[in-house]
Amino acid sequence: MAGLAEMPVIVRLDLAVVGLPASHPAAALGARVPVYGFCILHPDGPILVDTGVGFGNQFIDELYEPERAGLAELLDRVGLQVGQVAAV
């Protein structure tokens, strides 16, 4: 089996911060917790691992009150554009 020519670069993306209701199993972590995604800088193009909370889900919005960051802005900070993403 061939090994990697070099280790891929993985960039953390701070996608959102959400509030955890007291009934949430992870509520002991704090009242507000981060939600991360990751961008793997692959030779065929960036691969986005999206673990975000998304947009337009009334249940999520009401229960977790997310503060979301814009994906385009986050990618721009690492020198990428949304159109360059090869896979999600």
PDB file of N, CA and C in Angstrom:
ATOM      1  N   MET A   1       0.851  -1.172   0.000  1.00  0.00           N
ATOM      2  CA  MET A   1       0.000   0.000   0.000  1.00  0.00           C
ATOM      3  C   MET A   1       0.896   1.234   0.000  1.00  0.00           C
ATOM      4  N   ALA A   2       0.614   2.168  -0.873  1.00  0.00           N
ATOM      5  CA  ALA A   2       1.406   3.392  -0.976  1.00  0.00           C
ATOM      6  C   ALA A   2       1.036   4.360   0.133  1.00  0.00           C
ATOM      7  N   GLY A   3       2.020   5.070   0.664  1.00  0.00           N
ATOM      8  CA  GLY A   3       1.778   6.071   1.699  1.00  0.00           C
ATOM      9  C   GLY A   3       1.506   7.430   1.084  1.00  0.00           C
ATOM     10  N   LEU A   4       1.193   8.360   1.912  1.00  0.00           N
ATOM     11  CA  LEU A   4       0.968   9.722   1.458  1.00  0.00           C
ATOM     12  C   LEU A   4       2.306  10.371   1.106  1.00  0.00           C
ATOM     13  N   ALA A   5       2.326  11.114   0.015  1.00  0.00           N
ATOM     14  CA  ALA A   5       3.534  11.844  -0.355  1.00  0.00           C
ATOM     15  C   ALA A   5       3.829  12.912   0.681  1.00  0.00           C
ATOM     16  N   GLU A   6       2.785  13.499   1.220  1.00  0.00           N
ATOM     17  CA  GLU A   6       2.904  14.473   2.299  1.00  0.00           C
ATOM     18  C   GLU A   6       1.592  14.498   3.069  1.00  0.00           C
ATOM     19  N   MET A   7       1.655  14.924   4.289  1.00  0.00           N
ATOM     20  CA  MET A   7       0.446  14.986   5.107  1.00  0.00           C
ATOM     21  C   MET A   7      -0.451  16.123   4.609  1.00  0.00           C
ATOM     22  N   PRO A   8      -1.748  15.887   4.528  1.00  0.00           N
ATOM     23  CA  PRO A   8      -2.649  16.960   4.099  1.00  0.00           C
ATOM     24  C   PRO A   8      -2.752  18.038   5.173  1.00  0.00           C
ATOM     25  N   VAL A   9      -3.023  19.234   4.734  1.00  0.00           N
ATOM     26  CA  VAL A   9      -3.257  20.338   5.653  1.00  0.00           C
ATOM     27  C   VAL A   9      -4.756  20.366   5.949  1.00  0.00           C
ATOM     28  N   ILE A  10      -5.095  20.420   7.217  1.00  0.00           N
ATOM     29  CA  ILE A  10      -6.493  20.483   7.635  1.00  0.00           C
ATOM     30  C   ILE A  10      -6.694  21.782   8.395  1.00  0.00           C
ATOM     31  N   VAL A  11      -7.641  22.584   7.919  1.00  0.00           N
ATOM     32  CA  VAL A  11      -7.920  23.891   8.511  1.00  0.00           C
ATOM     33  C   VAL A  11      -9.252  23.824   9.239  1.00  0.00           C
ATOM     34  N   ARG A  12      -9.270  24.251  10.499  1.00  0.00           N
ATOM     35  CA  ARG A  12     -10.519  24.299  11.267  1.00  0.00           C
ATOM     36  C   ARG A  12     -11.296  25.547  10.880  1.00  0.00           C
ATOM     37  N   LEU A  13     -12.589  25.383  10.677  1.00  0.00           N
ATOM     38  CA  LEU A  13     -13.484  26.497  10.369  1.00  0.00           C
ATOM     39  C   LEU A  13     -14.449  26.655  11.542  1.00  0.00           C
ATOM     40  N   ASP A  14     -14.507  27.837  12.118  1.00  0.00           N
ATOM     41  CA  ASP A  14     -15.423  28.118  13.224  1.00  0.00           C
ATOM     42  C   ASP A  14     -16.776  28.505  12.641  1.00  0.00           C
ATOM     43  N   LEU A  15     -17.621  27.501  12.412  1.00  0.00           N
ATOM     44  CA  LEU A  15     -18.885  27.704  11.704  1.00  0.00           C
ATOM     45  C   LEU A  15     -19.960  28.404  12.511  1.00  0.00           C
ATOM     46  N   ALA A  16     -20.030  28.112  13.798  1.00  0.00           N
ATOM     47  CA  ALA A  16     -21.122  28.675  14.599  1.00  0.00           C
ATOM     48  C   ALA A  16     -20.815  28.541  16.083  1.00  0.00           C
ATOM     49  N   VAL A  17     -21.621  29.225  16.857  1.00  0.00           N
ATOM     50  CA  VAL A  17     -21.667  29.048  18.304  1.00  0.00           C
ATOM     51  C   VAL A  17     -23.140  28.821  18.622  1.00  0.00           C
ATOM     52  N   VAL A  18     -23.418  27.785  19.410  1.00  0.00           N
ATOM     53  CA  VAL A  18     -24.808  27.471  19.741  1.00  0.00           C
ATOM     54  C   VAL A  18     -25.005  27.443  21.250  1.00  0.00           C
ATOM     55  N   GLY A  19     -26.214  27.731  21.650  1.00  0.00           N
ATOM     56  CA  GLY A  19     -26.585  27.624  23.051  1.00  0.00           C
ATOM     57  C   GLY A  19     -27.108  26.227  23.323  1.00  0.00           C
ATOM     58  N   LEU A  20     -26.737  25.673  24.459  1.00  0.00           N
ATOM     59  CA  LEU A  20     -27.230  24.351  24.829  1.00  0.00           C
ATOM     60  C   LEU A  20     -28.293  24.489  25.916  1.00  0.00           C
ATOM     61  N   PRO A  21     -29.485  23.975  25.654  1.00  0.00           N
ATOM     62  CA  PRO A  21     -30.510  24.008  26.698  1.00  0.00           C
ATOM     63  C   PRO A  21     -30.097  23.089  27.854  1.00  0.00           C
ATOM     64  N   ALA A  22     -30.606  23.344  29.024  1.00  0.00           N
ATOM     65  CA  ALA A  22     -30.251  22.561  30.213  1.00  0.00           C
ATOM     66  C   ALA A  22     -30.516  21.074  30.019  1.00  0.00           C
ATOM     67  N   SER A  23     -31.470  20.722  29.178  1.00  0.00           N
ATOM     68  CA  SER A  23     -31.807  19.313  28.955  1.00  0.00           C
ATOM     69  C   SER A  23     -30.842  18.604  28.008  1.00  0.00           C
ATOM     70  N   HIS A  24     -29.937  19.341  27.387  1.00  0.00           N
ATOM     71  CA  HIS A  24     -29.000  18.746  26.423  1.00  0.00           C
ATOM     72  C   HIS A  24     -27.957  17.905  27.166  1.00  0.00           C
ATOM     73  N   PRO A  25     -27.600  16.721  26.637  1.00  0.00           N
ATOM     74  CA  PRO A  25     -26.620  15.865  27.315  1.00  0.00           C
ATOM     75  C   PRO A  25     -25.252  16.526  27.519  1.00  0.00           C
ATOM     76  N   ALA A  26     -24.903  17.490  26.704  1.00  0.00           N
ATOM     77  CA  ALA A  26     -23.599  18.151  26.828  1.00  0.00           C
ATOM     78  C   ALA A  26     -23.699  19.519  27.491  1.00  0.00           C
ATOM     79  N   ALA A  27     -24.801  19.813  28.128  1.00  0.00           N
ATOM     80  CA  ALA A  27     -25.004  21.136  28.737  1.00  0.00           C
ATOM     81  C   ALA A  27     -23.933  21.474  29.762  1.00  0.00           C
ATOM     82  N   ALA A  28     -23.316  20.485  30.368  1.00  0.00           N
ATOM     83  CA  ALA A  28     -22.267  20.741  31.359  1.00  0.00           C
ATOM     84  C   ALA A  28     -21.030  21.383  30.733  1.00  0.00           C
ATOM     85  N   LEU A  29     -20.911  21.319  29.409  1.00  0.00           N
ATOM     86  CA  LEU A  29     -19.775  21.938  28.724  1.00  0.00           C
ATOM     87  C   LEU A  29     -19.829  23.461  28.769  1.00  0.00           C
ATOM     88  N   GLY A  30     -21.000  23.997  28.964  1.00  0.00           N
ATOM     89  CA  GLY A  30     -21.155  25.444  29.018  1.00  0.00           C
ATOM     90  C   GLY A  30     -22.447  25.864  28.356  1.00  0.00           C
ATOM     91  N   ALA A  31     -22.797  27.117  28.578  1.00  0.00           N
ATOM     92  CA  ALA A  31     -24.044  27.634  28.029  1.00  0.00           C
ATOM     93  C   ALA A  31     -23.977  27.774  26.513  1.00  0.00           C
ATOM     94  N   ARG A  32     -22.795  28.110  25.984  1.00  0.00           N
ATOM     95  CA  ARG A  32     -22.628  28.260  24.535  1.00  0.00           C
ATOM     96  C   ARG A  32     -21.378  27.500  24.128  1.00  0.00           C
ATOM     97  N   VAL A  33     -21.481  26.758  23.053  1.00  0.00           N
ATOM     98  CA  VAL A  33     -20.356  25.944  22.597  1.00  0.00           C
ATOM     99  C   VAL A  33     -20.124  26.163  21.099  1.00  0.00           C
ATOM    100  N   PRO A  34     -18.875  25.989  20.656  1.00  0.00           N
ATOM    101  CA  PRO A  34     -18.575  26.174  19.240  1.00  0.00           C
ATOM    102  C   PRO A  34     -18.989  24.962  18.403  1.00  0.00           C
ATOM    103  N   VAL A  35     -19.238  25.227  17.138  1.00  0.00           N
ATOM    104  CA  VAL A  35     -19.485  24.183  16.147  1.00  0.00           C
ATOM    105  C   VAL A  35     -18.434  24.381  15.057  1.00  0.00           C
ATOM    106  N   TYR A  36     -17.648  23.351  14.831  1.00  0.00           N
ATOM    107  CA  TYR A  36     -16.550  23.453  13.868  1.00  0.00           C
ATOM    108  C   TYR A  36     -16.846  22.681  12.597  1.00  0.00           C
ATOM    109  N   GLY A  37     -16.222  23.106  11.542  1.00  0.00           N
ATOM    110  CA  GLY A  37     -16.137  22.359  10.302  1.00  0.00           C
ATOM    111  C   GLY A  37     -14.658  22.301   9.970  1.00  0.00           C
ATOM    112  N   PHE A  38     -14.326  21.589   8.919  1.00  0.00           N
ATOM    113  CA  PHE A  38     -12.923  21.459   8.550  1.00  0.00           C
ATOM    114  C   PHE A  38     -12.769  21.520   7.046  1.00  0.00           C
ATOM    115  N   CYS A  39     -11.652  22.073   6.608  1.00  0.00           N
ATOM    116  CA  CYS A  39     -11.329  22.118   5.191  1.00  0.00           C
ATOM    117  C   CYS A  39     -10.006  21.384   5.009  1.00  0.00           C
ATOM    118  N   ILE A  40     -10.045  20.321   4.226  1.00  0.00           N
ATOM    119  CA  ILE A  40      -8.842  19.544   3.930  1.00  0.00           C
ATOM    120  C   ILE A  40      -8.291  20.064   2.612  1.00  0.00           C
ATOM    121  N   LEU A  41      -7.072  20.554   2.653  1.00  0.00           N
ATOM    122  CA  LEU A  41      -6.452  21.085   1.442  1.00  0.00           C
ATOM    123  C   LEU A  41      -5.858  19.922   0.659  1.00  0.00           C
ATOM    124  N   HIS A  42      -6.628  19.428  -0.288  1.00  0.00           N
ATOM    125  CA  HIS A  42      -6.295  18.246  -1.080  1.00  0.00           C
ATOM    126  C   HIS A  42      -5.777  18.685  -2.453  1.00  0.00           C
ATOM    127  N   PRO A  43      -4.871  17.927  -3.058  1.00  0.00           N
ATOM    128  CA  PRO A  43      -4.347  18.300  -4.377  1.00  0.00           C
ATOM    129  C   PRO A  43      -5.423  18.456  -5.455  1.00  0.00           C
ATOM    130  N   ASP A  44      -6.531  17.716  -5.338  1.00  0.00           N
ATOM    131  CA  ASP A  44      -7.614  17.818  -6.322  1.00  0.00           C
ATOM    132  C   ASP A  44      -8.585  18.948  -6.010  1.00  0.00           C
ATOM    133  N   GLY A  45      -8.372  19.648  -4.931  1.00  0.00           N
ATOM    134  CA  GLY A  45      -9.225  20.753  -4.526  1.00  0.00           C
ATOM    135  C   GLY A  45      -9.633  20.592  -3.078  1.00  0.00           C
ATOM    136  N   PRO A  46      -9.997  21.688  -2.441  1.00  0.00           N
ATOM    137  CA  PRO A  46     -10.381  21.647  -1.029  1.00  0.00           C
ATOM    138  C   PRO A  46     -11.602  20.755  -0.796  1.00  0.00           C
ATOM    139  N   ILE A  47     -11.553  19.991   0.285  1.00  0.00           N
ATOM    140  CA  ILE A  47     -12.663  19.138   0.694  1.00  0.00           C
ATOM    141  C   ILE A  47     -13.211  19.719   1.991  1.00  0.00           C
ATOM    142  N   LEU A  48     -14.490  20.035   1.983  1.00  0.00           N
ATOM    143  CA  LEU A  48     -15.132  20.644   3.142  1.00  0.00           C
ATOM    144  C   LEU A  48     -15.865  19.593   3.953  1.00  0.00           C
ATOM    145  N   VAL A  49     -15.540  19.509   5.238  1.00  0.00           N
ATOM    146  CA  VAL A  49     -16.266  18.642   6.164  1.00  0.00           C
ATOM    147  C   VAL A  49     -17.158  19.567   6.966  1.00  0.00           C
ATOM    148  N   ASP A  50     -18.433  19.553   6.641  1.00  0.00           N
ATOM    149  CA  ASP A  50     -19.380  20.492   7.223  1.00  0.00           C
ATOM    150  C   ASP A  50     -20.095  19.849   8.398  1.00  0.00           C
ATOM    151  N   THR A  51     -19.827  20.352   9.591  1.00  0.00           N
ATOM    152  CA  THR A  51     -20.522  19.867  10.784  1.00  0.00           C
ATOM    153  C   THR A  51     -21.414  20.969  11.350  1.00  0.00           C
ATOM    154  N   GLY A  52     -21.712  21.964  10.523  1.00  0.00           N
ATOM    155  CA  GLY A  52     -22.459  23.119  10.979  1.00  0.00           C
ATOM    156  C   GLY A  52     -23.913  22.836  11.268  1.00  0.00           C
ATOM    157  N   VAL A  53     -24.600  23.865  11.708  1.00  0.00           N
ATOM    158  CA  VAL A  53     -26.002  23.727  12.093  1.00  0.00           C
ATOM    159  C   VAL A  53     -26.948  24.085  10.953  1.00  0.00           C
ATOM    160  N   GLY A  54     -26.400  24.552   9.846  1.00  0.00           N
ATOM    161  CA  GLY A  54     -27.219  24.868   8.693  1.00  0.00           C
ATOM    162  C   GLY A  54     -28.038  26.137   8.877  1.00  0.00           C
ATOM    163  N   PHE A  55     -28.911  26.364   7.924  1.00  0.00           N
ATOM    164  CA  PHE A  55     -29.761  27.552   7.917  1.00  0.00           C
ATOM    165  C   PHE A  55     -31.199  27.142   7.648  1.00  0.00           C
ATOM    166  N   GLY A  56     -32.120  27.888   8.217  1.00  0.00           N
ATOM    167  CA  GLY A  56     -33.531  27.710   7.888  1.00  0.00           C
ATOM    168  C   GLY A  56     -34.247  26.579   8.595  1.00  0.00           C
ATOM    169  N   ASN A  57     -33.700  26.080   9.692  1.00  0.00           N
ATOM    170  CA  ASN A  57     -34.384  25.046  10.456  1.00  0.00           C
ATOM    171  C   ASN A  57     -34.941  25.698  11.719  1.00  0.00           C
ATOM    172  N   GLN A  58     -36.240  25.891  11.746  1.00  0.00           N
ATOM    173  CA  GLN A  58     -36.885  26.608  12.847  1.00  0.00           C
ATOM    174  C   GLN A  58     -36.614  25.943  14.194  1.00  0.00           C
ATOM    175  N   PHE A  59     -36.653  24.622  14.244  1.00  0.00           N
ATOM    176  CA  PHE A  59     -36.399  23.897  15.493  1.00  0.00           C
ATOM    177  C   PHE A  59     -34.996  24.204  16.019  1.00  0.00           C
ATOM    178  N   ILE A  60     -33.986  24.083  15.158  1.00  0.00           N
ATOM    179  CA  ILE A  60     -32.593  24.365  15.546  1.00  0.00           C
ATOM    180  C   ILE A  60     -32.454  25.819  15.980  1.00  0.00           C
ATOM    181  N   ASP A  61     -33.036  26.730  15.194  1.00  0.00           N
ATOM    182  CA  ASP A  61     -32.921  28.155  15.503  1.00  0.00           C
ATOM    183  C   ASP A  61     -33.517  28.496  16.867  1.00  0.00           C
ATOM    184  N   GLU A  62     -34.664  27.917  17.181  1.00  0.00           N
ATOM    185  CA  GLU A  62     -35.324  28.227  18.454  1.00  0.00           C
ATOM    186  C   GLU A  62     -34.634  27.556  19.639  1.00  0.00           C
ATOM    187  N   LEU A  63     -34.228  26.314  19.479  1.00  0.00           N
ATOM    188  CA  LEU A  63     -33.658  25.565  20.597  1.00  0.00           C
ATOM    189  C   LEU A  63     -32.214  25.957  20.898  1.00  0.00           C
ATOM    190  N   TYR A  64     -31.410  26.150  19.848  1.00  0.00           N
ATOM    191  CA  TYR A  64     -29.974  26.370  20.038  1.00  0.00           C
ATOM    192  C   TYR A  64     -29.509  27.808  19.798  1.00  0.00           C
ATOM    193  N   GLU A  65     -30.375  28.643  19.229  1.00  0.00           N
ATOM    194  CA  GLU A  65     -30.051  30.046  18.974  1.00  0.00           C
ATOM    195  C   GLU A  65     -28.646  30.220  18.387  1.00  0.00           C
ATOM    196  N   PRO A  66     -28.383  29.608  17.235  1.00  0.00           N
ATOM    197  CA  PRO A  66     -27.028  29.657  16.672  1.00  0.00           C
ATOM    198  C   PRO A  66     -26.621  31.051  16.191  1.00  0.00           C
ATOM    199  N   GLU A  67     -25.345  31.329  16.403  1.00  0.00           N
ATOM    200  CA  GLU A  67     -24.701  32.498  15.808  1.00  0.00           C
ATOM    201  C   GLU A  67     -23.766  31.930  14.753  1.00  0.00           C
ATOM    202  N   ARG A  68     -24.126  32.104  13.478  1.00  0.00           N
ATOM    203  CA  ARG A  68     -23.403  31.460  12.388  1.00  0.00           C
ATOM    204  C   ARG A  68     -22.401  32.408  11.737  1.00  0.00           C
ATOM    205  N   ALA A  69     -21.336  31.823  11.229  1.00  0.00           N
ATOM    206  CA  ALA A  69     -20.371  32.566  10.424  1.00  0.00           C
ATOM    207  C   ALA A  69     -20.638  32.223   8.958  1.00  0.00           C
ATOM    208  N   GLY A  70     -20.312  33.154   8.078  1.00  0.00           N
ATOM    209  CA  GLY A  70     -20.490  32.903   6.654  1.00  0.00           C
ATOM    210  C   GLY A  70     -19.356  32.047   6.103  1.00  0.00           C
ATOM    211  N   LEU A  71     -19.704  31.006   5.370  1.00  0.00           N
ATOM    212  CA  LEU A  71     -18.701  30.100   4.825  1.00  0.00           C
ATOM    213  C   LEU A  71     -17.747  30.824   3.888  1.00  0.00           C
ATOM    214  N   ALA A  72     -18.272  31.693   3.034  1.00  0.00           N
ATOM    215  CA  ALA A  72     -17.405  32.405   2.095  1.00  0.00           C
ATOM    216  C   ALA A  72     -16.339  33.212   2.837  1.00  0.00           C
ATOM    217  N   GLU A  73     -16.732  33.873   3.918  1.00  0.00           N
ATOM    218  CA  GLU A  73     -15.786  34.664   4.704  1.00  0.00           C
ATOM    219  C   GLU A  73     -14.744  33.774   5.374  1.00  0.00           C
ATOM    220  N   LEU A  74     -15.171  32.655   5.917  1.00  0.00           N
ATOM    221  CA  LEU A  74     -14.238  31.741   6.579  1.00  0.00           C
ATOM    222  C   LEU A  74     -13.219  31.184   5.594  1.00  0.00           C
ATOM    223  N   LEU A  75     -13.685  30.795   4.407  1.00  0.00           N
ATOM    224  CA  LEU A  75     -12.760  30.282   3.394  1.00  0.00           C
ATOM    225  C   LEU A  75     -11.824  31.385   2.905  1.00  0.00           C
ATOM    226  N   ASP A  76     -12.353  32.590   2.766  1.00  0.00           N
ATOM    227  CA  ASP A  76     -11.532  33.718   2.329  1.00  0.00           C
ATOM    228  C   ASP A  76     -10.361  33.949   3.275  1.00  0.00           C
ATOM    229  N   ARG A  77     -10.582  33.745   4.557  1.00  0.00           N
ATOM    230  CA  ARG A  77      -9.524  33.935   5.556  1.00  0.00           C
ATOM    231  C   ARG A  77      -8.340  32.998   5.336  1.00  0.00           C
ATOM    232  N   VAL A  78      -8.589  31.856   4.686  1.00  0.00           N
ATOM    233  CA  VAL A  78      -7.498  30.915   4.414  1.00  0.00           C
ATOM    234  C   VAL A  78      -7.128  30.898   2.931  1.00  0.00           C
ATOM    235  N   GLY A  79      -7.560  31.945   2.220  1.00  0.00           N
ATOM    236  CA  GLY A  79      -7.170  32.105   0.818  1.00  0.00           C
ATOM    237  C   GLY A  79      -7.926  31.251  -0.167  1.00  0.00           C
ATOM    238  N   LEU A  80      -9.143  30.860   0.172  1.00  0.00           N
ATOM    239  CA  LEU A  80      -9.957  30.020  -0.723  1.00  0.00           C
ATOM    240  C   LEU A  80     -11.271  30.706  -1.041  1.00  0.00           C
ATOM    241  N   GLN A  81     -11.895  30.227  -2.122  1.00  0.00           N
ATOM    242  CA  GLN A  81     -13.217  30.702  -2.499  1.00  0.00           C
ATOM    243  C   GLN A  81     -14.178  29.510  -2.551  1.00  0.00           C
ATOM    244  N   VAL A  82     -15.443  29.760  -2.329  1.00  0.00           N
ATOM    245  CA  VAL A  82     -16.440  28.696  -2.307  1.00  0.00           C
ATOM    246  C   VAL A  82     -16.387  27.879  -3.605  1.00  0.00           C
ATOM    247  N   GLY A  83     -16.214  28.535  -4.727  1.00  0.00           N
ATOM    248  CA  GLY A  83     -16.185  27.846  -6.021  1.00  0.00           C
ATOM    249  C   GLY A  83     -15.008  26.898  -6.186  1.00  0.00           C
ATOM    250  N   GLN A  84     -14.016  27.005  -5.339  1.00  0.00           N
ATOM    251  CA  GLN A  84     -12.863  26.100  -5.423  1.00  0.00           C
ATOM    252  C   GLN A  84     -13.099  24.782  -4.693  1.00  0.00           C
ATOM    253  N   VAL A  85     -14.110  24.711  -3.852  1.00  0.00           N
ATOM    254  CA  VAL A  85     -14.358  23.509  -3.055  1.00  0.00           C
ATOM    255  C   VAL A  85     -14.711  22.349  -4.001  1.00  0.00           C
ATOM    256  N   ALA A  86     -13.927  21.272  -3.888  1.00  0.00           N
ATOM    257  CA  ALA A  86     -14.105  20.121  -4.778  1.00  0.00           C
ATOM    258  C   ALA A  86     -15.164  19.151  -4.264  1.00  0.00           C
ATOM    259  N   ALA A  87     -15.326  19.074  -2.957  1.00  0.00           N
ATOM    260  CA  ALA A  87     -16.289  18.126  -2.386  1.00  0.00           C
ATOM    261  C   ALA A  87     -16.690  18.569  -1.001  1.00  0.00           C
ATOM    262  N   VAL A  88     -17.913  18.185  -0.604  1.00  0.00           N
ATOM    263  CA  VAL A  88     -18.413  18.466   0.737  1.00  0.00           C
ATOM    264  C   VAL A  88     -18.774  17.147   1.382  1.00  0.00           C
TER     265      VAL A  88
END
